[in-house]
Structure formats: structure tokens, C-alpha cells
Amino acid sequence: MTIHHDKLAYGKLASAREDLSEDKLLEMLSELESETEIREATGEEAALKALLAFSEAWERENSCYGYRKNERGDIEGRRIFTAERGGETVGYLFGGKEYLKNASSVAADGTEYFEIEEIYVVPEYRSMGIGRALYEFLEERLKEEGTEYIFLSTATKDWRKIFHFYIKELGMEFWSARLFKKLK
């Protein structure tokens, strides 16, 4: 799978986002396909090092509640998918297969699912369809393997934007929420 990055087209898309229908936005995003390669990294040291460096940058962004950078042990044994542009990694998704336990409101206990632990795209490549492409690449792979569900949790501080992405753009369904309010 590839995604095209064209600064002029992206500029038009970014400036028109609020004025266009969802179908038109999707059409414009699909026009941006060509130069970014999405693939599964299979135990590659370079992919692991890039993921660890991005994780450190993500921690510095302070965009998620409680996010801490990954250590090698957090990632080893998980499936890693990367987005690469011109030989450089610009985003990743990682996670692994699990079996449902105490989640019968969604599916029967024991059902196999894939837990996305992280999706990250470097800031200068965000809102260009790379996160979507990573997710869709994973989804197609999992369908081929017979996996029925994808789950993820998010601790982002910009929940409106991320819920729009996951629910409206990717077609995920809302299951539960954990909220908080700091009392003085």
C-alpha cells in the first residue's frame, strides 16, 4: 500500500477540510496515494530503533495522559507496521493478538482480537492519511488471518479529534470511557 504526499494537494485538503463533505475529503485523500510505503516490519532492528526514537518524541509531545516512552521489552514479540517515505520511517503501529476476557458485552469470552497498542505519525506527516493507511493495512491483514475484532484504548488529550478519526474515519465503535475531573 502506498500514499502520495503532494504539498499543494495537501494544502488544498487542509484548507478545505471544514467546507467539504466526508466523501469529498476521502476522495481527496485517495488522490494523495503513491510515495509512502506501508509494511509489516519483521524483527528488523532498524524498525525497532525508529519506533523507540518516535516513542521518546511522543513522550516529549505530552499529548497523552500518562504516556511514557517504550522500552525494548514493551515492543518485542509484538507485530510492528511501519510507514516509510523515501526510505525513512514516518509512522508506526504496533500491537498483538489477544483473547477476550470479561468483555462479553462486545463478543464472547475467548474470541481472538488484535489490540492496537500504539499508532504514531511524526508531526509533519499528520493529517495526510498515514495513520489511516497503517490501520487499513493492518485491518486487511487481520481479515486474511481470520481475526474478527480490533480493539484499542486512547489517553489522548485531544479526544474530539481522535474520536473523529477512530469512529468517523475508520468505522470503529465506541465501547467504554474512563473520565476524570481534578478537584482542587
N, C-alpha and C. Protein backbone atom coordinates (compact mmCIF):
# COMPACT_ATOMS: atom_id res chain seq x y z
N MET A 1 0.85 -1.17 0.00
CA MET A 1 0.00 0.00 0.00
C MET A 1 0.89 1.23 0.00
N THR A 2 0.53 2.23 -0.76
CA THR A 2 1.31 3.45 -0.81
C THR A 2 0.40 4.65 -0.66
N ILE A 3 0.99 5.75 -0.21
CA ILE A 3 0.27 7.01 -0.06
C ILE A 3 1.10 8.10 -0.69
N HIS A 4 0.50 8.96 -1.43
CA HIS A 4 1.19 10.06 -2.10
C HIS A 4 1.18 11.30 -1.21
N HIS A 5 2.29 11.98 -1.15
CA HIS A 5 2.37 13.24 -0.41
C HIS A 5 2.67 14.33 -1.42
N ASP A 6 1.73 15.21 -1.63
CA ASP A 6 1.88 16.32 -2.54
C ASP A 6 1.52 17.57 -1.75
N LYS A 7 2.52 18.44 -1.49
CA LYS A 7 2.29 19.58 -0.60
C LYS A 7 1.17 20.48 -1.09
N LEU A 8 1.05 20.72 -2.40
CA LEU A 8 0.00 21.56 -2.91
C LEU A 8 -1.36 20.92 -2.67
N ALA A 9 -1.48 19.63 -3.01
CA ALA A 9 -2.74 18.93 -2.80
C ALA A 9 -3.08 18.87 -1.32
N TYR A 10 -2.06 18.62 -0.49
CA TYR A 10 -2.31 18.57 0.95
C TYR A 10 -2.76 19.93 1.46
N GLY A 11 -2.15 21.01 0.97
CA GLY A 11 -2.55 22.35 1.39
C GLY A 11 -4.00 22.63 1.05
N LYS A 12 -4.43 22.22 -0.15
CA LYS A 12 -5.83 22.39 -0.54
C LYS A 12 -6.74 21.57 0.38
N LEU A 13 -6.33 20.36 0.68
CA LEU A 13 -7.12 19.50 1.55
C LEU A 13 -7.24 20.10 2.94
N ALA A 14 -6.12 20.54 3.50
CA ALA A 14 -6.12 21.10 4.85
C ALA A 14 -6.98 22.35 4.93
N SER A 15 -6.90 23.21 3.93
CA SER A 15 -7.67 24.45 3.98
C SER A 15 -9.15 24.23 3.71
N ALA A 16 -9.48 23.14 3.04
CA ALA A 16 -10.88 22.89 2.68
C ALA A 16 -11.59 21.91 3.58
N ARG A 17 -10.92 21.36 4.58
CA ARG A 17 -11.50 20.30 5.41
C ARG A 17 -12.87 20.62 5.94
N GLU A 18 -13.08 21.82 6.42
CA GLU A 18 -14.35 22.16 7.04
C GLU A 18 -15.44 22.43 6.02
N ASP A 19 -15.07 22.75 4.78
CA ASP A 19 -16.04 23.11 3.76
C ASP A 19 -16.49 21.93 2.91
N LEU A 20 -15.83 20.79 3.03
CA LEU A 20 -16.12 19.67 2.15
C LEU A 20 -16.86 18.55 2.87
N SER A 21 -17.59 17.78 2.10
CA SER A 21 -18.27 16.61 2.65
C SER A 21 -17.23 15.54 2.98
N GLU A 22 -17.63 14.60 3.81
CA GLU A 22 -16.72 13.50 4.17
C GLU A 22 -16.32 12.71 2.93
N ASP A 23 -17.26 12.50 2.00
CA ASP A 23 -16.95 11.76 0.78
C ASP A 23 -15.90 12.49 -0.06
N LYS A 24 -16.02 13.81 -0.16
CA LYS A 24 -15.07 14.59 -0.94
C LYS A 24 -13.69 14.56 -0.28
N LEU A 25 -13.66 14.65 1.06
CA LEU A 25 -12.38 14.57 1.77
C LEU A 25 -11.72 13.22 1.52
N LEU A 26 -12.51 12.15 1.57
CA LEU A 26 -11.96 10.81 1.33
C LEU A 26 -11.44 10.70 -0.10
N GLU A 27 -12.16 11.29 -1.03
CA GLU A 27 -11.71 11.27 -2.42
C GLU A 27 -10.38 12.02 -2.56
N MET A 28 -10.26 13.17 -1.90
CA MET A 28 -9.02 13.94 -1.98
C MET A 28 -7.87 13.19 -1.31
N LEU A 29 -8.15 12.52 -0.19
CA LEU A 29 -7.09 11.74 0.46
C LEU A 29 -6.62 10.62 -0.46
N SER A 30 -7.55 9.96 -1.13
CA SER A 30 -7.14 8.85 -2.01
C SER A 30 -6.31 9.36 -3.18
N GLU A 31 -6.48 10.62 -3.57
CA GLU A 31 -5.66 11.21 -4.63
C GLU A 31 -4.22 11.41 -4.18
N LEU A 32 -3.99 11.38 -2.85
CA LEU A 32 -2.64 11.60 -2.32
C LEU A 32 -1.82 10.31 -2.25
N GLU A 33 -2.28 9.22 -2.88
CA GLU A 33 -1.57 7.94 -2.79
C GLU A 33 -0.40 7.83 -3.76
N SER A 34 0.76 7.39 -3.24
CA SER A 34 1.87 6.96 -4.08
C SER A 34 3.23 6.82 -3.43
N GLU A 35 3.71 7.72 -2.62
CA GLU A 35 5.10 7.68 -2.20
C GLU A 35 5.38 7.10 -0.82
N THR A 36 4.40 6.81 -0.02
CA THR A 36 4.65 6.27 1.31
C THR A 36 4.30 4.79 1.30
N GLU A 37 5.24 3.96 1.72
CA GLU A 37 5.05 2.51 1.74
C GLU A 37 4.66 2.06 3.14
N ILE A 38 3.62 1.25 3.23
CA ILE A 38 3.19 0.65 4.49
C ILE A 38 3.58 -0.82 4.44
N ARG A 39 4.24 -1.30 5.48
CA ARG A 39 4.65 -2.71 5.50
C ARG A 39 4.75 -3.21 6.93
N GLU A 40 4.77 -4.52 7.06
CA GLU A 40 5.00 -5.13 8.37
C GLU A 40 6.50 -5.34 8.52
N ALA A 41 7.02 -4.81 9.62
CA ALA A 41 8.45 -4.99 9.93
C ALA A 41 8.58 -6.31 10.67
N THR A 42 9.42 -7.17 10.19
CA THR A 42 9.54 -8.50 10.78
C THR A 42 10.87 -8.62 11.52
N GLY A 43 10.89 -8.17 12.75
CA GLY A 43 12.06 -8.31 13.60
C GLY A 43 13.25 -7.48 13.18
N GLU A 44 13.03 -6.42 12.44
CA GLU A 44 14.13 -5.61 11.95
C GLU A 44 14.62 -4.66 13.03
N GLU A 45 15.89 -4.66 13.26
CA GLU A 45 16.49 -3.79 14.28
C GLU A 45 16.27 -2.32 13.96
N ALA A 46 16.36 -1.95 12.69
CA ALA A 46 16.18 -0.54 12.29
C ALA A 46 14.77 -0.07 12.63
N ALA A 47 13.76 -0.90 12.36
CA ALA A 47 12.38 -0.53 12.67
C ALA A 47 12.19 -0.38 14.17
N LEU A 48 12.77 -1.27 14.94
CA LEU A 48 12.66 -1.20 16.40
C LEU A 48 13.32 0.07 16.93
N LYS A 49 14.50 0.41 16.42
CA LYS A 49 15.19 1.63 16.84
C LYS A 49 14.38 2.88 16.49
N ALA A 50 13.80 2.90 15.29
CA ALA A 50 12.99 4.05 14.87
C ALA A 50 11.76 4.17 15.77
N LEU A 51 11.13 3.06 16.06
CA LEU A 51 9.95 3.07 16.92
C LEU A 51 10.30 3.59 18.32
N LEU A 52 11.42 3.17 18.86
CA LEU A 52 11.84 3.64 20.19
C LEU A 52 12.13 5.14 20.17
N ALA A 53 12.73 5.63 19.09
CA ALA A 53 13.01 7.07 18.98
C ALA A 53 11.72 7.87 18.86
N PHE A 54 10.77 7.37 18.07
CA PHE A 54 9.48 8.05 17.94
C PHE A 54 8.73 8.05 19.27
N SER A 55 8.84 6.96 19.98
CA SER A 55 8.18 6.85 21.27
C SER A 55 8.71 7.90 22.24
N GLU A 56 10.00 8.12 22.19
CA GLU A 56 10.61 9.15 23.04
C GLU A 56 10.11 10.54 22.64
N ALA A 57 9.99 10.79 21.34
CA ALA A 57 9.47 12.08 20.86
C ALA A 57 8.02 12.26 21.28
N TRP A 58 7.23 11.18 21.21
CA TRP A 58 5.82 11.22 21.60
C TRP A 58 5.69 11.58 23.08
N GLU A 59 6.55 11.01 23.90
CA GLU A 59 6.52 11.33 25.32
C GLU A 59 6.78 12.83 25.53
N ARG A 60 7.73 13.39 24.79
CA ARG A 60 8.03 14.83 24.91
C ARG A 60 6.88 15.70 24.44
N GLU A 61 6.09 15.21 23.48
CA GLU A 61 4.93 15.98 22.99
C GLU A 61 3.91 16.23 24.10
N ASN A 62 3.84 15.31 25.04
CA ASN A 62 2.89 15.42 26.16
C ASN A 62 1.45 15.55 25.66
N SER A 63 1.10 14.78 24.64
CA SER A 63 -0.23 14.83 24.05
C SER A 63 -1.18 13.77 24.61
N CYS A 64 -0.67 12.87 25.43
CA CYS A 64 -1.48 11.81 26.02
C CYS A 64 -1.27 11.78 27.53
N TYR A 65 -2.33 11.50 28.25
CA TYR A 65 -2.22 11.37 29.70
C TYR A 65 -1.44 10.12 30.05
N GLY A 66 -0.37 10.28 30.81
CA GLY A 66 0.38 9.14 31.33
C GLY A 66 1.25 8.41 30.35
N TYR A 67 1.41 8.93 29.12
CA TYR A 67 2.24 8.22 28.15
C TYR A 67 3.70 8.26 28.59
N ARG A 68 4.33 7.11 28.53
CA ARG A 68 5.76 7.02 28.78
C ARG A 68 6.40 6.34 27.59
N LYS A 69 7.62 6.72 27.29
CA LYS A 69 8.30 6.13 26.15
C LYS A 69 8.43 4.63 26.34
N ASN A 70 8.45 3.92 25.23
CA ASN A 70 8.59 2.47 25.26
C ASN A 70 10.01 2.06 25.53
N GLU A 71 10.13 0.93 26.15
CA GLU A 71 11.42 0.24 26.29
C GLU A 71 11.37 -0.92 25.30
N ARG A 72 12.49 -1.47 25.00
CA ARG A 72 12.58 -2.59 24.06
C ARG A 72 11.60 -3.73 24.43
N GLY A 73 11.51 -4.04 25.71
CA GLY A 73 10.64 -5.13 26.16
C GLY A 73 9.15 -4.87 25.95
N ASP A 74 8.75 -3.59 25.83
CA ASP A 74 7.35 -3.25 25.56
C ASP A 74 6.95 -3.64 24.14
N ILE A 75 7.93 -3.73 23.26
CA ILE A 75 7.66 -3.90 21.83
C ILE A 75 8.01 -5.29 21.33
N GLU A 76 9.04 -5.89 21.90
CA GLU A 76 9.48 -7.21 21.44
C GLU A 76 8.33 -8.21 21.55
N GLY A 77 8.19 -9.00 20.50
CA GLY A 77 7.13 -10.00 20.46
C GLY A 77 5.81 -9.46 19.94
N ARG A 78 5.74 -8.17 19.67
CA ARG A 78 4.54 -7.54 19.12
C ARG A 78 4.72 -7.40 17.61
N ARG A 79 3.62 -7.24 16.90
CA ARG A 79 3.69 -7.00 15.47
C ARG A 79 3.86 -5.50 15.24
N ILE A 80 4.79 -5.14 14.37
CA ILE A 80 5.09 -3.75 14.07
C ILE A 80 4.82 -3.49 12.59
N PHE A 81 4.10 -2.41 12.33
CA PHE A 81 3.81 -1.98 10.97
C PHE A 81 4.38 -0.57 10.83
N THR A 82 5.07 -0.31 9.73
CA THR A 82 5.70 0.99 9.55
C THR A 82 5.20 1.69 8.29
N ALA A 83 5.26 3.01 8.34
CA ALA A 83 5.00 3.85 7.17
C ALA A 83 6.35 4.48 6.84
N GLU A 84 6.78 4.28 5.61
CA GLU A 84 8.09 4.78 5.20
C GLU A 84 7.95 5.69 3.98
N ARG A 85 8.74 6.71 3.99
CA ARG A 85 8.74 7.66 2.88
C ARG A 85 10.19 7.94 2.51
N GLY A 86 10.56 7.66 1.28
CA GLY A 86 11.93 7.87 0.84
C GLY A 86 12.94 7.11 1.69
N GLY A 87 12.57 5.92 2.15
CA GLY A 87 13.47 5.11 2.97
C GLY A 87 13.49 5.50 4.44
N GLU A 88 12.74 6.52 4.82
CA GLU A 88 12.71 6.99 6.20
C GLU A 88 11.36 6.63 6.83
N THR A 89 11.39 6.10 8.04
CA THR A 89 10.16 5.76 8.74
C THR A 89 9.51 7.05 9.24
N VAL A 90 8.20 7.22 8.93
CA VAL A 90 7.47 8.42 9.33
C VAL A 90 6.29 8.10 10.25
N GLY A 91 6.07 6.82 10.51
CA GLY A 91 4.98 6.43 11.40
C GLY A 91 5.01 4.95 11.67
N TYR A 92 4.28 4.53 12.70
CA TYR A 92 4.21 3.11 13.04
C TYR A 92 2.90 2.79 13.72
N LEU A 93 2.61 1.52 13.74
CA LEU A 93 1.51 0.93 14.50
C LEU A 93 2.07 -0.35 15.08
N PHE A 94 1.79 -0.61 16.37
CA PHE A 94 2.19 -1.91 16.89
C PHE A 94 1.15 -2.43 17.86
N GLY A 95 1.14 -3.74 18.01
CA GLY A 95 0.20 -4.40 18.90
C GLY A 95 0.32 -5.90 18.74
N GLY A 96 -0.70 -6.61 19.20
CA GLY A 96 -0.65 -8.06 19.12
C GLY A 96 -2.01 -8.69 19.33
N LYS A 97 -2.07 -9.98 19.03
CA LYS A 97 -3.32 -10.73 19.20
C LYS A 97 -3.48 -11.14 20.66
N GLU A 98 -4.71 -11.05 21.09
CA GLU A 98 -5.10 -11.39 22.46
C GLU A 98 -6.41 -12.18 22.38
N TYR A 99 -6.92 -12.60 23.54
CA TYR A 99 -8.20 -13.29 23.61
C TYR A 99 -9.07 -12.58 24.64
N LEU A 100 -10.32 -12.27 24.24
CA LEU A 100 -11.22 -11.53 25.12
C LEU A 100 -11.47 -12.27 26.42
N LYS A 101 -11.51 -11.48 27.48
CA LYS A 101 -11.81 -11.99 28.81
C LYS A 101 -12.63 -10.92 29.52
N ASN A 102 -13.79 -11.30 30.02
CA ASN A 102 -14.68 -10.37 30.72
C ASN A 102 -15.11 -9.20 29.85
N ALA A 103 -15.38 -9.46 28.59
CA ALA A 103 -15.82 -8.42 27.66
C ALA A 103 -17.02 -8.89 26.86
N SER A 104 -17.87 -9.70 27.47
CA SER A 104 -18.96 -10.35 26.75
C SER A 104 -20.00 -9.37 26.21
N SER A 105 -19.96 -8.11 26.62
CA SER A 105 -20.88 -7.14 26.04
C SER A 105 -20.54 -6.83 24.59
N VAL A 106 -19.33 -7.18 24.17
CA VAL A 106 -18.88 -6.92 22.81
C VAL A 106 -18.80 -8.22 22.00
N ALA A 107 -18.21 -9.24 22.57
CA ALA A 107 -18.06 -10.54 21.90
C ALA A 107 -17.85 -11.60 22.98
N ALA A 108 -17.98 -12.83 22.60
CA ALA A 108 -17.85 -13.92 23.56
C ALA A 108 -16.44 -14.00 24.13
N ASP A 109 -16.35 -14.31 25.40
CA ASP A 109 -15.04 -14.53 26.01
C ASP A 109 -14.30 -15.59 25.21
N GLY A 110 -13.00 -15.41 25.07
CA GLY A 110 -12.18 -16.34 24.30
C GLY A 110 -12.03 -15.96 22.84
N THR A 111 -12.78 -14.95 22.38
CA THR A 111 -12.68 -14.50 21.00
C THR A 111 -11.31 -13.84 20.77
N GLU A 112 -10.66 -14.24 19.67
CA GLU A 112 -9.37 -13.64 19.34
C GLU A 112 -9.59 -12.23 18.79
N TYR A 113 -8.71 -11.31 19.19
CA TYR A 113 -8.75 -9.94 18.68
C TYR A 113 -7.33 -9.41 18.59
N PHE A 114 -7.18 -8.30 17.90
CA PHE A 114 -5.89 -7.62 17.82
C PHE A 114 -6.00 -6.35 18.64
N GLU A 115 -5.10 -6.18 19.58
CA GLU A 115 -5.04 -4.97 20.40
C GLU A 115 -4.00 -4.03 19.82
N ILE A 116 -4.46 -2.89 19.28
CA ILE A 116 -3.51 -1.86 18.82
C ILE A 116 -3.01 -1.16 20.07
N GLU A 117 -1.72 -1.22 20.29
CA GLU A 117 -1.15 -0.57 21.45
C GLU A 117 -0.77 0.87 21.15
N GLU A 118 -0.29 1.12 19.93
CA GLU A 118 0.06 2.49 19.55
C GLU A 118 -0.04 2.67 18.05
N ILE A 119 -0.50 3.86 17.67
CA ILE A 119 -0.38 4.35 16.30
C ILE A 119 0.28 5.72 16.45
N TYR A 120 1.37 5.93 15.74
CA TYR A 120 2.07 7.21 15.83
C TYR A 120 2.54 7.63 14.45
N VAL A 121 2.33 8.91 14.15
CA VAL A 121 2.84 9.51 12.92
C VAL A 121 3.59 10.78 13.33
N VAL A 122 4.78 10.98 12.77
CA VAL A 122 5.56 12.16 13.13
C VAL A 122 4.74 13.41 12.79
N PRO A 123 4.87 14.46 13.60
CA PRO A 123 4.01 15.64 13.45
C PRO A 123 3.91 16.21 12.03
N GLU A 124 5.02 16.30 11.32
CA GLU A 124 4.96 16.92 9.99
C GLU A 124 4.24 16.07 8.95
N TYR A 125 3.90 14.84 9.27
CA TYR A 125 3.18 13.97 8.34
C TYR A 125 1.76 13.65 8.82
N ARG A 126 1.31 14.30 9.86
CA ARG A 126 -0.03 14.05 10.38
C ARG A 126 -1.09 14.66 9.46
N SER A 127 -2.28 14.10 9.52
CA SER A 127 -3.43 14.54 8.71
C SER A 127 -3.19 14.38 7.22
N MET A 128 -2.36 13.42 6.86
CA MET A 128 -2.08 13.13 5.46
C MET A 128 -2.54 11.72 5.08
N GLY A 129 -3.24 11.05 5.98
CA GLY A 129 -3.74 9.72 5.68
C GLY A 129 -2.79 8.60 6.07
N ILE A 130 -1.68 8.89 6.70
CA ILE A 130 -0.72 7.84 7.05
C ILE A 130 -1.25 6.96 8.18
N GLY A 131 -1.82 7.55 9.21
CA GLY A 131 -2.41 6.76 10.29
C GLY A 131 -3.52 5.86 9.76
N ARG A 132 -4.35 6.41 8.89
CA ARG A 132 -5.43 5.63 8.27
C ARG A 132 -4.85 4.47 7.47
N ALA A 133 -3.80 4.75 6.69
CA ALA A 133 -3.19 3.71 5.86
C ALA A 133 -2.59 2.60 6.73
N LEU A 134 -1.95 2.96 7.84
CA LEU A 134 -1.42 1.95 8.76
C LEU A 134 -2.56 1.07 9.28
N TYR A 135 -3.64 1.71 9.72
CA TYR A 135 -4.78 0.97 10.26
C TYR A 135 -5.39 0.06 9.18
N GLU A 136 -5.63 0.61 8.00
CA GLU A 136 -6.27 -0.18 6.94
C GLU A 136 -5.39 -1.34 6.48
N PHE A 137 -4.08 -1.13 6.46
CA PHE A 137 -3.15 -2.21 6.12
C PHE A 137 -3.28 -3.34 7.14
N LEU A 138 -3.28 -2.97 8.42
CA LEU A 138 -3.45 -3.95 9.49
C LEU A 138 -4.79 -4.66 9.35
N GLU A 139 -5.85 -3.89 9.15
CA GLU A 139 -7.19 -4.48 9.06
C GLU A 139 -7.27 -5.52 7.95
N GLU A 140 -6.71 -5.22 6.79
CA GLU A 140 -6.73 -6.18 5.69
C GLU A 140 -5.95 -7.45 6.04
N ARG A 141 -4.79 -7.28 6.66
CA ARG A 141 -4.00 -8.44 7.08
C ARG A 141 -4.81 -9.30 8.05
N LEU A 142 -5.43 -8.66 9.04
CA LEU A 142 -6.18 -9.41 10.05
C LEU A 142 -7.38 -10.13 9.47
N LYS A 143 -8.06 -9.51 8.52
CA LYS A 143 -9.18 -10.18 7.84
C LYS A 143 -8.69 -11.45 7.15
N GLU A 144 -7.55 -11.34 6.47
CA GLU A 144 -6.97 -12.51 5.78
C GLU A 144 -6.64 -13.63 6.77
N GLU A 145 -6.26 -13.24 7.99
CA GLU A 145 -5.88 -14.21 9.02
C GLU A 145 -7.08 -14.74 9.80
N GLY A 146 -8.25 -14.16 9.57
CA GLY A 146 -9.46 -14.63 10.26
C GLY A 146 -9.74 -13.96 11.60
N THR A 147 -9.02 -12.91 11.93
CA THR A 147 -9.26 -12.19 13.18
C THR A 147 -10.53 -11.35 13.01
N GLU A 148 -11.41 -11.39 14.00
CA GLU A 148 -12.71 -10.72 13.88
C GLU A 148 -12.76 -9.31 14.45
N TYR A 149 -11.90 -8.99 15.39
CA TYR A 149 -12.00 -7.70 16.07
C TYR A 149 -10.65 -7.00 16.20
N ILE A 150 -10.73 -5.68 16.19
CA ILE A 150 -9.60 -4.82 16.56
C ILE A 150 -10.07 -3.99 17.74
N PHE A 151 -9.23 -3.90 18.76
CA PHE A 151 -9.51 -3.05 19.92
C PHE A 151 -8.35 -2.09 20.11
N LEU A 152 -8.64 -0.96 20.71
CA LEU A 152 -7.60 -0.04 21.14
C LEU A 152 -8.16 0.84 22.24
N SER A 153 -7.27 1.41 23.00
CA SER A 153 -7.62 2.40 24.02
C SER A 153 -6.82 3.66 23.68
N THR A 154 -7.31 4.79 24.13
CA THR A 154 -6.59 6.03 23.90
C THR A 154 -6.61 6.88 25.15
N ALA A 155 -5.51 7.58 25.38
CA ALA A 155 -5.41 8.50 26.52
C ALA A 155 -5.06 9.90 26.01
N THR A 156 -5.42 10.18 24.77
CA THR A 156 -5.08 11.47 24.18
C THR A 156 -5.78 12.62 24.90
N LYS A 157 -5.14 13.75 24.89
CA LYS A 157 -5.75 14.94 25.47
C LYS A 157 -6.72 15.60 24.48
N ASP A 158 -6.56 15.31 23.19
CA ASP A 158 -7.43 15.86 22.15
C ASP A 158 -8.43 14.78 21.73
N TRP A 159 -9.31 14.41 22.65
CA TRP A 159 -10.22 13.29 22.43
C TRP A 159 -11.21 13.54 21.30
N ARG A 160 -11.61 14.76 21.06
CA ARG A 160 -12.57 15.02 19.97
C ARG A 160 -11.95 14.64 18.63
N LYS A 161 -10.72 15.05 18.42
CA LYS A 161 -10.04 14.76 17.16
C LYS A 161 -9.80 13.26 17.00
N ILE A 162 -9.36 12.61 18.06
CA ILE A 162 -9.03 11.19 17.95
C ILE A 162 -10.30 10.34 17.82
N PHE A 163 -11.38 10.74 18.50
CA PHE A 163 -12.63 10.01 18.34
C PHE A 163 -13.17 10.17 16.92
N HIS A 164 -13.03 11.36 16.36
CA HIS A 164 -13.44 11.56 14.97
C HIS A 164 -12.65 10.62 14.06
N PHE A 165 -11.35 10.55 14.29
CA PHE A 165 -10.50 9.68 13.47
C PHE A 165 -10.93 8.22 13.60
N TYR A 166 -11.02 7.73 14.82
CA TYR A 166 -11.31 6.30 15.00
C TYR A 166 -12.76 5.94 14.65
N ILE A 167 -13.71 6.76 15.03
CA ILE A 167 -15.12 6.41 14.84
C ILE A 167 -15.62 6.83 13.46
N LYS A 168 -15.44 8.08 13.11
CA LYS A 168 -15.97 8.58 11.83
C LYS A 168 -15.14 8.12 10.63
N GLU A 169 -13.82 8.18 10.76
CA GLU A 169 -12.98 7.87 9.60
C GLU A 169 -12.66 6.38 9.45
N LEU A 170 -12.46 5.68 10.57
CA LEU A 170 -12.07 4.27 10.48
C LEU A 170 -13.23 3.31 10.72
N GLY A 171 -14.37 3.82 11.18
CA GLY A 171 -15.54 2.97 11.37
C GLY A 171 -15.53 2.13 12.64
N MET A 172 -14.70 2.51 13.60
CA MET A 172 -14.69 1.78 14.87
C MET A 172 -15.94 2.17 15.66
N GLU A 173 -16.27 1.36 16.65
CA GLU A 173 -17.43 1.64 17.50
C GLU A 173 -16.96 1.98 18.91
N PHE A 174 -17.71 2.87 19.54
CA PHE A 174 -17.40 3.27 20.90
C PHE A 174 -17.87 2.18 21.86
N TRP A 175 -17.01 1.82 22.82
CA TRP A 175 -17.36 0.77 23.77
C TRP A 175 -17.46 1.29 25.19
N SER A 176 -16.44 1.98 25.67
CA SER A 176 -16.48 2.46 27.06
C SER A 176 -15.59 3.69 27.19
N ALA A 177 -15.70 4.36 28.32
CA ALA A 177 -14.87 5.54 28.56
C ALA A 177 -14.53 5.62 30.04
N ARG A 178 -13.39 6.16 30.33
CA ARG A 178 -12.97 6.42 31.71
C ARG A 178 -12.68 7.91 31.77
N LEU A 179 -13.41 8.63 32.59
CA LEU A 179 -13.29 10.08 32.68
C LEU A 179 -12.74 10.47 34.03
N PHE A 180 -12.23 11.71 34.11
CA PHE A 180 -11.76 12.20 35.41
C PHE A 180 -11.99 13.70 35.49
N LYS A 181 -12.02 14.19 36.70
CA LYS A 181 -12.08 15.61 36.98
C LYS A 181 -11.20 15.87 38.19
N LYS A 182 -10.24 16.77 38.05
CA LYS A 182 -9.36 17.10 39.16
C LYS A 182 -10.07 18.08 40.08
N LEU A 183 -10.15 17.73 41.32
CA LEU A 183 -10.76 18.60 42.32
C LEU A 183 -9.65 19.32 43.06
N LYS A 184 -9.84 20.59 43.29
CA LYS A 184 -8.78 21.39 43.91
C LYS A 184 -8.46 20.99 45.31
